[in-house]
């Protein structure tokens, strides 16, 4: 019986895109969460039939799952920090600070 290969590429792509989206208020947790879910689902399929998959591809998928989990945690923490800043400082003050920073950059 031929062993199947797990392809962790989509998990890596979604996780890295999630890391890039972390700069947008932590909203990358959506992409990182999807990546983690995909990796977790594929590894659950491996648990049902471990002989049907190549060991190297299982290790690669485990690594991809860990990367997705780390990026998911970073995004969730940044999202919580963003919500905290908006609730304590206020949206208007944050926008005023952003506007002041843009004006300073334009003057230099």
PDB file of N, CA and C in Angstrom:
ATOM      1  N   UNK A   1       0.832  -1.172   0.000  1.00  0.00           N
ATOM      2  CA  UNK A   1       0.000   0.000   0.000  1.00  0.00           C
ATOM      3  C   UNK A   1       0.888   1.250   0.000  1.00  0.00           C
ATOM      4  N   UNK A   2       0.564   2.184  -0.853  1.00  0.00           N
ATOM      5  CA  UNK A   2       1.359   3.403  -0.979  1.00  0.00           C
ATOM      6  C   UNK A   2       0.986   4.394   0.123  1.00  0.00           C
ATOM      7  N   UNK A   3       2.012   4.997   0.703  1.00  0.00           N
ATOM      8  CA  UNK A   3       1.773   5.963   1.771  1.00  0.00           C
ATOM      9  C   UNK A   3       1.468   7.342   1.192  1.00  0.00           C
ATOM     10  N   UNK A   4       0.530   8.025   1.836  1.00  0.00           N
ATOM     11  CA  UNK A   4       0.161   9.370   1.405  1.00  0.00           C
ATOM     12  C   UNK A   4       1.095  10.392   2.029  1.00  0.00           C
ATOM     13  N   UNK A   5       1.213  11.540   1.346  1.00  0.00           N
ATOM     14  CA  UNK A   5       2.012  12.637   1.882  1.00  0.00           C
ATOM     15  C   UNK A   5       1.075  13.742   2.362  1.00  0.00           C
ATOM     16  N   UNK A   6       1.404  14.311   3.495  1.00  0.00           N
ATOM     17  CA  UNK A   6       0.699  15.496   3.976  1.00  0.00           C
ATOM     18  C   UNK A   6       1.423  16.716   3.419  1.00  0.00           C
ATOM     19  N   UNK A   7       0.680  17.663   2.895  1.00  0.00           N
ATOM     20  CA  UNK A   7       1.276  18.866   2.329  1.00  0.00           C
ATOM     21  C   UNK A   7       0.996  20.058   3.251  1.00  0.00           C
ATOM     22  N   UNK A   8       2.001  20.495   4.011  1.00  0.00           N
ATOM     23  CA  UNK A   8       1.776  21.582   4.961  1.00  0.00           C
ATOM     24  C   UNK A   8       1.885  22.983   4.346  1.00  0.00           C
ATOM     25  N   UNK A   9       2.006  23.079   3.041  1.00  0.00           N
ATOM     26  CA  UNK A   9       2.223  24.373   2.397  1.00  0.00           C
ATOM     27  C   UNK A   9       1.106  25.360   2.686  1.00  0.00           C
ATOM     28  N   UNK A  10      -0.141  24.943   2.568  1.00  0.00           N
ATOM     29  CA  UNK A  10      -1.264  25.854   2.798  1.00  0.00           C
ATOM     30  C   UNK A  10      -1.284  26.337   4.245  1.00  0.00           C
ATOM     31  N   UNK A  11      -0.883  25.471   5.168  1.00  0.00           N
ATOM     32  CA  UNK A  11      -0.835  25.850   6.579  1.00  0.00           C
ATOM     33  C   UNK A  11       0.223  26.932   6.781  1.00  0.00           C
ATOM     34  N   UNK A  12       1.401  26.748   6.176  1.00  0.00           N
ATOM     35  CA  UNK A  12       2.456  27.748   6.284  1.00  0.00           C
ATOM     36  C   UNK A  12       2.036  29.075   5.655  1.00  0.00           C
ATOM     37  N   UNK A  13       1.425  29.021   4.490  1.00  0.00           N
ATOM     38  CA  UNK A  13       1.023  30.247   3.799  1.00  0.00           C
ATOM     39  C   UNK A  13       0.007  31.025   4.631  1.00  0.00           C
ATOM     40  N   UNK A  14      -1.014  30.341   5.129  1.00  0.00           N
ATOM     41  CA  UNK A  14      -2.025  31.011   5.951  1.00  0.00           C
ATOM     42  C   UNK A  14      -1.430  31.557   7.241  1.00  0.00           C
ATOM     43  N   UNK A  15      -0.520  30.808   7.845  1.00  0.00           N
ATOM     44  CA  UNK A  15       0.088  31.266   9.094  1.00  0.00           C
ATOM     45  C   UNK A  15       0.948  32.510   8.868  1.00  0.00           C
ATOM     46  N   UNK A  16       1.735  32.523   7.801  1.00  0.00           N
ATOM     47  CA  UNK A  16       2.586  33.676   7.514  1.00  0.00           C
ATOM     48  C   UNK A  16       1.736  34.887   7.142  1.00  0.00           C
ATOM     49  N   UNK A  17       0.678  34.685   6.378  1.00  0.00           N
ATOM     50  CA  UNK A  17      -0.233  35.791   6.083  1.00  0.00           C
ATOM     51  C   UNK A  17      -0.888  36.306   7.361  1.00  0.00           C
ATOM     52  N   UNK A  18      -1.190  35.402   8.266  1.00  0.00           N
ATOM     53  CA  UNK A  18      -1.736  35.795   9.562  1.00  0.00           C
ATOM     54  C   UNK A  18      -0.747  36.624  10.361  1.00  0.00           C
ATOM     55  N   UNK A  19       0.541  36.285  10.270  1.00  0.00           N
ATOM     56  CA  UNK A  19       1.561  37.067  10.958  1.00  0.00           C
ATOM     57  C   UNK A  19       1.656  38.467  10.364  1.00  0.00           C
ATOM     58  N   UNK A  20       1.567  38.559   9.049  1.00  0.00           N
ATOM     59  CA  UNK A  20       1.608  39.869   8.404  1.00  0.00           C
ATOM     60  C   UNK A  20       0.387  40.704   8.777  1.00  0.00           C
ATOM     61  N   UNK A  21      -0.748  40.061   8.934  1.00  0.00           N
ATOM     62  CA  UNK A  21      -1.982  40.771   9.306  1.00  0.00           C
ATOM     63  C   UNK A  21      -2.019  41.137  10.785  1.00  0.00           C
ATOM     64  N   UNK A  22      -1.048  40.682  11.539  1.00  0.00           N
ATOM     65  CA  UNK A  22      -0.969  41.039  12.959  1.00  0.00           C
ATOM     66  C   UNK A  22      -0.855  42.546  13.120  1.00  0.00           C
ATOM     67  N   UNK A  23      -0.245  43.202  12.151  1.00  0.00           N
ATOM     68  CA  UNK A  23      -0.070  44.659  12.212  1.00  0.00           C
ATOM     69  C   UNK A  23      -1.386  45.397  12.036  1.00  0.00           C
ATOM     70  N   UNK A  24      -2.430  44.721  11.649  1.00  0.00           N
ATOM     71  CA  UNK A  24      -3.737  45.340  11.447  1.00  0.00           C
ATOM     72  C   UNK A  24      -4.610  45.022  12.665  1.00  0.00           C
ATOM     73  N   UNK A  25      -4.148  45.419  13.811  1.00  0.00           N
ATOM     74  CA  UNK A  25      -4.931  45.257  15.031  1.00  0.00           C
ATOM     75  C   UNK A  25      -5.068  43.829  15.517  1.00  0.00           C
ATOM     76  N   UNK A  26      -4.237  42.927  15.059  1.00  0.00           N
ATOM     77  CA  UNK A  26      -4.314  41.548  15.500  1.00  0.00           C
ATOM     78  C   UNK A  26      -5.358  40.721  14.784  1.00  0.00           C
ATOM     79  N   UNK A  27      -5.833  41.228  13.645  1.00  0.00           N
ATOM     80  CA  UNK A  27      -6.878  40.494  12.922  1.00  0.00           C
ATOM     81  C   UNK A  27      -6.353  39.264  12.183  1.00  0.00           C
ATOM     82  N   UNK A  28      -5.060  39.044  12.214  1.00  0.00           N
ATOM     83  CA  UNK A  28      -4.487  37.859  11.602  1.00  0.00           C
ATOM     84  C   UNK A  28      -4.839  36.576  12.325  1.00  0.00           C
ATOM     85  N   UNK A  29      -5.497  36.699  13.490  1.00  0.00           N
ATOM     86  CA  UNK A  29      -5.885  35.481  14.212  1.00  0.00           C
ATOM     87  C   UNK A  29      -6.883  34.656  13.385  1.00  0.00           C
ATOM     88  N   UNK A  30      -7.571  35.308  12.456  1.00  0.00           N
ATOM     89  CA  UNK A  30      -8.520  34.572  11.611  1.00  0.00           C
ATOM     90  C   UNK A  30      -7.764  33.609  10.705  1.00  0.00           C
ATOM     91  N   UNK A  31      -6.761  34.120   9.993  1.00  0.00           N
ATOM     92  CA  UNK A  31      -5.980  33.268   9.090  1.00  0.00           C
ATOM     93  C   UNK A  31      -5.162  32.237   9.860  1.00  0.00           C
ATOM     94  N   UNK A  32      -4.567  32.664  10.963  1.00  0.00           N
ATOM     95  CA  UNK A  32      -3.780  31.724  11.764  1.00  0.00           C
ATOM     96  C   UNK A  32      -4.669  30.641  12.377  1.00  0.00           C
ATOM     97  N   UNK A  33      -5.874  31.011  12.751  1.00  0.00           N
ATOM     98  CA  UNK A  33      -6.813  30.027  13.292  1.00  0.00           C
ATOM     99  C   UNK A  33      -7.217  28.996  12.253  1.00  0.00           C
ATOM    100  N   UNK A  34      -7.437  29.467  11.027  1.00  0.00           N
ATOM    101  CA  UNK A  34      -7.765  28.543   9.937  1.00  0.00           C
ATOM    102  C   UNK A  34      -6.593  27.600   9.679  1.00  0.00           C
ATOM    103  N   UNK A  35      -5.370  28.142   9.685  1.00  0.00           N
ATOM    104  CA  UNK A  35      -4.182  27.307   9.464  1.00  0.00           C
ATOM    105  C   UNK A  35      -4.050  26.255  10.557  1.00  0.00           C
ATOM    106  N   UNK A  36      -4.258  26.664  11.800  1.00  0.00           N
ATOM    107  CA  UNK A  36      -4.169  25.717  12.912  1.00  0.00           C
ATOM    108  C   UNK A  36      -5.242  24.641  12.796  1.00  0.00           C
ATOM    109  N   UNK A  37      -6.462  25.031  12.425  1.00  0.00           N
ATOM    110  CA  UNK A  37      -7.554  24.071  12.275  1.00  0.00           C
ATOM    111  C   UNK A  37      -7.249  23.055  11.176  1.00  0.00           C
ATOM    112  N   UNK A  38      -6.714  23.522  10.048  1.00  0.00           N
ATOM    113  CA  UNK A  38      -6.376  22.607   8.955  1.00  0.00           C
ATOM    114  C   UNK A  38      -5.317  21.608   9.403  1.00  0.00           C
ATOM    115  N   UNK A  39      -4.258  22.109  10.039  1.00  0.00           N
ATOM    116  CA  UNK A  39      -3.188  21.214  10.493  1.00  0.00           C
ATOM    117  C   UNK A  39      -3.708  20.219  11.523  1.00  0.00           C
ATOM    118  N   UNK A  40      -4.527  20.691  12.449  1.00  0.00           N
ATOM    119  CA  UNK A  40      -5.083  19.809  13.484  1.00  0.00           C
ATOM    120  C   UNK A  40      -5.969  18.721  12.859  1.00  0.00           C
ATOM    121  N   UNK A  41      -6.773  19.099  11.882  1.00  0.00           N
ATOM    122  CA  UNK A  41      -7.652  18.132  11.214  1.00  0.00           C
ATOM    123  C   UNK A  41      -6.853  17.064  10.477  1.00  0.00           C
ATOM    124  N   UNK A  42      -5.815  17.493   9.774  1.00  0.00           N
ATOM    125  CA  UNK A  42      -4.995  16.519   9.036  1.00  0.00           C
ATOM    126  C   UNK A  42      -4.259  15.585   9.993  1.00  0.00           C
ATOM    127  N   UNK A  43      -3.796  16.113  11.111  1.00  0.00           N
ATOM    128  CA  UNK A  43      -3.108  15.254  12.072  1.00  0.00           C
ATOM    129  C   UNK A  43      -4.072  14.303  12.778  1.00  0.00           C
ATOM    130  N   UNK A  44      -5.328  14.698  12.922  1.00  0.00           N
ATOM    131  CA  UNK A  44      -6.327  13.769  13.454  1.00  0.00           C
ATOM    132  C   UNK A  44      -6.567  12.627  12.480  1.00  0.00           C
ATOM    133  N   UNK A  45      -6.542  12.913  11.185  1.00  0.00           N
ATOM    134  CA  UNK A  45      -6.678  11.850  10.181  1.00  0.00           C
ATOM    135  C   UNK A  45      -5.494  10.890  10.249  1.00  0.00           C
ATOM    136  N   UNK A  46      -4.326  11.416  10.563  1.00  0.00           N
ATOM    137  CA  UNK A  46      -3.134  10.570  10.705  1.00  0.00           C
ATOM    138  C   UNK A  46      -3.286   9.634  11.902  1.00  0.00           C
ATOM    139  N   UNK A  47      -3.888  10.131  12.978  1.00  0.00           N
ATOM    140  CA  UNK A  47      -4.070   9.290  14.167  1.00  0.00           C
ATOM    141  C   UNK A  47      -4.966   8.083  13.883  1.00  0.00           C
ATOM    142  N   UNK A  48      -5.900   8.252  12.955  1.00  0.00           N
ATOM    143  CA  UNK A  48      -6.788   7.139  12.610  1.00  0.00           C
ATOM    144  C   UNK A  48      -6.081   6.075  11.773  1.00  0.00           C
ATOM    145  N   UNK A  49      -5.110   6.504  10.952  1.00  0.00           N
ATOM    146  CA  UNK A  49      -4.402   5.586  10.065  1.00  0.00           C
ATOM    147  C   UNK A  49      -2.933   6.000   9.975  1.00  0.00           C
ATOM    148  N   UNK A  50      -2.152   5.742  11.021  1.00  0.00           N
ATOM    149  CA  UNK A  50      -0.765   6.222  11.021  1.00  0.00           C
ATOM    150  C   UNK A  50       0.133   5.538   9.980  1.00  0.00           C
ATOM    151  N   UNK A  51      -0.206   4.319   9.581  1.00  0.00           N
ATOM    152  CA  UNK A  51       0.620   3.615   8.609  1.00  0.00           C
ATOM    153  C   UNK A  51       0.419   4.140   7.186  1.00  0.00           C
ATOM    154  N   UNK A  52      -0.648   4.861   6.962  1.00  0.00           N
ATOM    155  CA  UNK A  52      -0.968   5.326   5.620  1.00  0.00           C
ATOM    156  C   UNK A  52      -0.280   6.621   5.216  1.00  0.00           C
ATOM    157  N   UNK A  53       0.537   7.190   6.109  1.00  0.00           N
ATOM    158  CA  UNK A  53       1.181   8.467   5.821  1.00  0.00           C
ATOM    159  C   UNK A  53       2.684   8.370   6.033  1.00  0.00           C
ATOM    160  N   UNK A  54       3.424   9.150   5.260  1.00  0.00           N
ATOM    161  CA  UNK A  54       4.876   9.167   5.390  1.00  0.00           C
ATOM    162  C   UNK A  54       5.279   9.863   6.682  1.00  0.00           C
ATOM    163  N   UNK A  55       6.245   9.288   7.410  1.00  0.00           N
ATOM    164  CA  UNK A  55       6.671   9.894   8.686  1.00  0.00           C
ATOM    165  C   UNK A  55       7.246  11.306   8.516  1.00  0.00           C
ATOM    166  N   UNK A  56       7.948  11.557   7.424  1.00  0.00           N
ATOM    167  CA  UNK A  56       8.522  12.892   7.235  1.00  0.00           C
ATOM    168  C   UNK A  56       7.434  13.939   7.008  1.00  0.00           C
ATOM    169  N   UNK A  57       6.373  13.562   6.324  1.00  0.00           N
ATOM    170  CA  UNK A  57       5.299  14.529   6.103  1.00  0.00           C
ATOM    171  C   UNK A  57       4.500  14.760   7.391  1.00  0.00           C
ATOM    172  N   UNK A  58       4.447  13.757   8.252  1.00  0.00           N
ATOM    173  CA  UNK A  58       3.782  13.930   9.545  1.00  0.00           C
ATOM    174  C   UNK A  58       4.573  14.927  10.395  1.00  0.00           C
ATOM    175  N   UNK A  59       5.907  14.795  10.392  1.00  0.00           N
ATOM    176  CA  UNK A  59       6.742  15.738  11.138  1.00  0.00           C
ATOM    177  C   UNK A  59       6.601  17.149  10.579  1.00  0.00           C
ATOM    178  N   UNK A  60       6.536  17.271   9.265  1.00  0.00           N
ATOM    179  CA  UNK A  60       6.380  18.588   8.644  1.00  0.00           C
ATOM    180  C   UNK A  60       5.045  19.219   9.029  1.00  0.00           C
ATOM    181  N   UNK A  61       3.994  18.413   9.089  1.00  0.00           N
ATOM    182  CA  UNK A  61       2.689  18.947   9.460  1.00  0.00           C
ATOM    183  C   UNK A  61       2.667  19.325  10.947  1.00  0.00           C
ATOM    184  N   UNK A  62       3.347  18.556  11.782  1.00  0.00           N
ATOM    185  CA  UNK A  62       3.453  18.924  13.203  1.00  0.00           C
ATOM    186  C   UNK A  62       4.157  20.268  13.366  1.00  0.00           C
ATOM    187  N   UNK A  63       5.228  20.473  12.593  1.00  0.00           N
ATOM    188  CA  UNK A  63       5.945  21.742  12.641  1.00  0.00           C
ATOM    189  C   UNK A  63       5.057  22.878  12.165  1.00  0.00           C
ATOM    190  N   UNK A  64       4.312  22.657  11.105  1.00  0.00           N
ATOM    191  CA  UNK A  64       3.404  23.680  10.585  1.00  0.00           C
ATOM    192  C   UNK A  64       2.320  24.014  11.613  1.00  0.00           C
ATOM    193  N   UNK A  65       1.851  23.004  12.325  1.00  0.00           N
ATOM    194  CA  UNK A  65       0.837  23.228  13.358  1.00  0.00           C
ATOM    195  C   UNK A  65       1.402  24.084  14.491  1.00  0.00           C
ATOM    196  N   UNK A  66       2.639  23.831  14.884  1.00  0.00           N
ATOM    197  CA  UNK A  66       3.281  24.618  15.937  1.00  0.00           C
ATOM    198  C   UNK A  66       3.470  26.061  15.488  1.00  0.00           C
ATOM    199  N   UNK A  67       3.906  26.259  14.243  1.00  0.00           N
ATOM    200  CA  UNK A  67       4.076  27.612  13.713  1.00  0.00           C
ATOM    201  C   UNK A  67       2.736  28.342  13.708  1.00  0.00           C
ATOM    202  N   UNK A  68       1.692  27.677  13.256  1.00  0.00           N
ATOM    203  CA  UNK A  68       0.362  28.293  13.223  1.00  0.00           C
ATOM    204  C   UNK A  68      -0.115  28.629  14.633  1.00  0.00           C
ATOM    205  N   UNK A  69       0.160  27.764  15.594  1.00  0.00           N
ATOM    206  CA  UNK A  69      -0.252  28.014  16.978  1.00  0.00           C
ATOM    207  C   UNK A  69       0.469  29.224  17.559  1.00  0.00           C
ATOM    208  N   UNK A  70       1.767  29.330  17.319  1.00  0.00           N
ATOM    209  CA  UNK A  70       2.538  30.463  17.838  1.00  0.00           C
ATOM    210  C   UNK A  70       2.021  31.769  17.236  1.00  0.00           C
ATOM    211  N   UNK A  71       1.779  31.782  15.940  1.00  0.00           N
ATOM    212  CA  UNK A  71       1.277  32.987  15.282  1.00  0.00           C
ATOM    213  C   UNK A  71      -0.140  33.295  15.752  1.00  0.00           C
ATOM    214  N   UNK A  72      -0.937  32.283  15.991  1.00  0.00           N
ATOM    215  CA  UNK A  72      -2.288  32.484  16.526  1.00  0.00           C
ATOM    216  C   UNK A  72      -2.227  33.148  17.905  1.00  0.00           C
ATOM    217  N   UNK A  73      -1.334  32.695  18.757  1.00  0.00           N
ATOM    218  CA  UNK A  73      -1.199  33.273  20.097  1.00  0.00           C
ATOM    219  C   UNK A  73      -0.728  34.725  20.008  1.00  0.00           C
ATOM    220  N   UNK A  74       0.243  35.004  19.147  1.00  0.00           N
ATOM    221  CA  UNK A  74       0.717  36.381  18.971  1.00  0.00           C
ATOM    222  C   UNK A  74      -0.424  37.283  18.530  1.00  0.00           C
ATOM    223  N   UNK A  75      -1.210  36.825  17.560  1.00  0.00           N
ATOM    224  CA  UNK A  75      -2.320  37.624  17.050  1.00  0.00           C
ATOM    225  C   UNK A  75      -3.392  37.853  18.106  1.00  0.00           C
ATOM    226  N   UNK A  76      -3.702  36.844  18.882  1.00  0.00           N
ATOM    227  CA  UNK A  76      -4.726  36.999  19.920  1.00  0.00           C
ATOM    228  C   UNK A  76      -4.261  37.995  20.978  1.00  0.00           C
ATOM    229  N   UNK A  77      -3.000  37.910  21.368  1.00  0.00           N
ATOM    230  CA  UNK A  77      -2.475  38.866  22.349  1.00  0.00           C
ATOM    231  C   UNK A  77      -2.504  40.293  21.796  1.00  0.00           C
ATOM    232  N   UNK A  78      -2.125  40.459  20.542  1.00  0.00           N
ATOM    233  CA  UNK A  78      -2.144  41.792  19.936  1.00  0.00           C
ATOM    234  C   UNK A  78      -3.574  42.303  19.784  1.00  0.00           C
ATOM    235  N   UNK A  79      -4.502  41.416  19.467  1.00  0.00           N
ATOM    236  CA  UNK A  79      -5.906  41.799  19.349  1.00  0.00           C
ATOM    237  C   UNK A  79      -6.456  42.265  20.701  1.00  0.00           C
ATOM    238  N   UNK A  80      -6.114  41.538  21.756  1.00  0.00           N
ATOM    239  CA  UNK A  80      -6.547  41.927  23.104  1.00  0.00           C
ATOM    240  C   UNK A  80      -5.940  43.270  23.486  1.00  0.00           C
ATOM    241  N   UNK A  81      -4.653  43.467  23.153  1.00  0.00           N
ATOM    242  CA  UNK A  81      -4.009  44.737  23.447  1.00  0.00           C
ATOM    243  C   UNK A  81      -4.678  45.886  22.680  1.00  0.00           C
ATOM    244  N   UNK A  82      -5.075  45.650  21.447  1.00  0.00           N
ATOM    245  CA  UNK A  82      -5.748  46.676  20.651  1.00  0.00           C
ATOM    246  C   UNK A  82      -7.100  47.032  21.260  1.00  0.00           C
ATOM    247  N   UNK A  83      -7.850  46.036  21.659  1.00  0.00           N
ATOM    248  CA  UNK A  83      -9.146  46.296  22.296  1.00  0.00           C
ATOM    249  C   UNK A  83      -8.947  47.064  23.597  1.00  0.00           C
ATOM    250  N   UNK A  84      -7.929  46.693  24.363  1.00  0.00           N
ATOM    251  CA  UNK A  84      -7.649  47.391  25.618  1.00  0.00           C
ATOM    252  C   UNK A  84      -7.292  48.857  25.363  1.00  0.00           C
ATOM    253  N   UNK A  85      -6.450  49.113  24.352  1.00  0.00           N
ATOM    254  CA  UNK A  85      -6.072  50.496  24.035  1.00  0.00           C
ATOM    255  C   UNK A  85      -7.280  51.308  23.603  1.00  0.00           C
ATOM    256  N   UNK A  86      -8.130  50.738  22.790  1.00  0.00           N
ATOM    257  CA  UNK A  86      -9.310  51.468  22.332  1.00  0.00           C
ATOM    258  C   UNK A  86     -10.244  51.750  23.503  1.00  0.00           C
ATOM    259  N   UNK A  87     -10.384  50.790  24.412  1.00  0.00           N
ATOM    260  CA  UNK A  87     -11.310  50.989  25.534  1.00  0.00           C
ATOM    261  C   UNK A  87     -10.758  51.966  26.571  1.00  0.00           C
ATOM    262  N   UNK A  88      -9.443  52.036  26.758  1.00  0.00           N
ATOM    263  CA  UNK A  88      -8.894  52.932  27.771  1.00  0.00           C
ATOM    264  C   UNK A  88      -8.599  54.327  27.223  1.00  0.00           C
ATOM    265  N   UNK A  89      -8.008  54.409  26.037  1.00  0.00           N
ATOM    266  CA  UNK A  89      -7.620  55.699  25.463  1.00  0.00           C
ATOM    267  C   UNK A  89      -8.773  56.308  24.682  1.00  0.00           C
ATOM    268  N   UNK A  90      -9.471  55.491  23.951  1.00  0.00           N
ATOM    269  CA  UNK A  90     -10.574  55.979  23.122  1.00  0.00           C
ATOM    270  C   UNK A  90     -10.166  56.070  21.662  1.00  0.00           C
ATOM    271  N   UNK A  91     -11.134  55.847  20.809  1.00  0.00           N
ATOM    272  CA  UNK A  91     -10.890  55.826  19.368  1.00  0.00           C
ATOM    273  C   UNK A  91     -10.467  57.206  18.853  1.00  0.00           C
ATOM    274  N   UNK A  92     -11.113  58.258  19.333  1.00  0.00           N
ATOM    275  CA  UNK A  92     -10.799  59.610  18.856  1.00  0.00           C
ATOM    276  C   UNK A  92      -9.361  59.997  19.193  1.00  0.00           C
ATOM    277  N   UNK A  93      -8.920  59.682  20.389  1.00  0.00           N
ATOM    278  CA  UNK A  93      -7.546  60.000  20.786  1.00  0.00           C
ATOM    279  C   UNK A  93      -6.535  59.211  19.966  1.00  0.00           C
ATOM    280  N   UNK A  94      -6.815  57.941  19.684  1.00  0.00           N
ATOM    281  CA  UNK A  94      -5.917  57.139  18.846  1.00  0.00           C
ATOM    282  C   UNK A  94      -5.824  57.713  17.437  1.00  0.00           C
ATOM    283  N   UNK A  95      -6.940  58.148  16.894  1.00  0.00           N
ATOM    284  CA  UNK A  95      -6.927  58.739  15.554  1.00  0.00           C
ATOM    285  C   UNK A  95      -6.169  60.071  15.552  1.00  0.00           C
ATOM    286  N   UNK A  96      -6.302  60.835  16.626  1.00  0.00           N
ATOM    287  CA  UNK A  96      -5.574  62.106  16.738  1.00  0.00           C
ATOM    288  C   UNK A  96      -4.068  61.856  16.818  1.00  0.00           C
ATOM    289  N   UNK A  97      -3.666  60.843  17.577  1.00  0.00           N
ATOM    290  CA  UNK A  97      -2.249  60.487  17.659  1.00  0.00           C
ATOM    291  C   UNK A  97      -1.718  60.045  16.303  1.00  0.00           C
ATOM    292  N   UNK A  98      -2.494  59.279  15.577  1.00  0.00           N
ATOM    293  CA  UNK A  98      -2.079  58.837  14.237  1.00  0.00           C
ATOM    294  C   UNK A  98      -1.938  60.028  13.301  1.00  0.00           C
ATOM    295  N   UNK A  99      -2.872  60.936  13.377  1.00  0.00           N
ATOM    296  CA  UNK A  99      -2.827  62.137  12.534  1.00  0.00           C
ATOM    297  C   UNK A  99      -1.594  62.985  12.862  1.00  0.00           C
ATOM    298  N   UNK A 100      -1.283  63.138  14.148  1.00  0.00           N
ATOM    299  CA  UNK A 100      -0.101  63.898  14.559  1.00  0.00           C
ATOM    300  C   UNK A 100       1.185  63.243  14.054  1.00  0.00           C
ATOM    301  N   UNK A 101       1.251  61.930  14.119  1.00  0.00           N
ATOM    302  CA  UNK A 101       2.434  61.220  13.631  1.00  0.00           C
ATOM    303  C   UNK A 101       2.588  61.394  12.125  1.00  0.00           C
ATOM    304  N   UNK A 102       1.493  61.333  11.383  1.00  0.00           N
ATOM    305  CA  UNK A 102       1.560  61.530   9.938  1.00  0.00           C
ATOM    306  C   UNK A 102       2.034  62.950   9.591  1.00  0.00           C
ATOM    307  N   UNK A 103       1.555  63.941  10.331  1.00  0.00           N
ATOM    308  CA  UNK A 103       1.975  65.316  10.080  1.00  0.00           C
ATOM    309  C   UNK A 103       3.452  65.491  10.373  1.00  0.00           C
ATOM    310  N   UNK A 104       3.951  64.863  11.443  1.00  0.00           N
ATOM    311  CA  UNK A 104       5.378  64.959  11.770  1.00  0.00           C
ATOM    312  C   UNK A 104       6.214  64.315  10.680  1.00  0.00           C
ATOM    313  N   UNK A 105       5.771  63.210  10.131  1.00  0.00           N
ATOM    314  CA  UNK A 105       6.514  62.533   9.067  1.00  0.00           C
ATOM    315  C   UNK A 105       6.537  63.367   7.793  1.00  0.00           C
ATOM    316  N   UNK A 106       5.451  64.043   7.503  1.00  0.00           N
ATOM    317  CA  UNK A 106       5.384  64.873   6.309  1.00  0.00           C
ATOM    318  C   UNK A 106       6.256  66.117   6.441  1.00  0.00           C
ATOM    319  N   UNK A 107       6.396  66.651   7.644  1.00  0.00           N
ATOM    320  CA  UNK A 107       7.212  67.843   7.857  1.00  0.00           C
ATOM    321  C   UNK A 107       8.703  67.553   7.793  1.00  0.00           C
ATOM    322  N   UNK A 108       9.078  66.302   8.043  1.00  0.00           N
ATOM    323  CA  UNK A 108      10.508  65.940   8.004  1.00  0.00           C
ATOM    324  C   UNK A 108      10.914  65.623   6.644  1.00  0.00           C
TER     325      UNK A 108
END
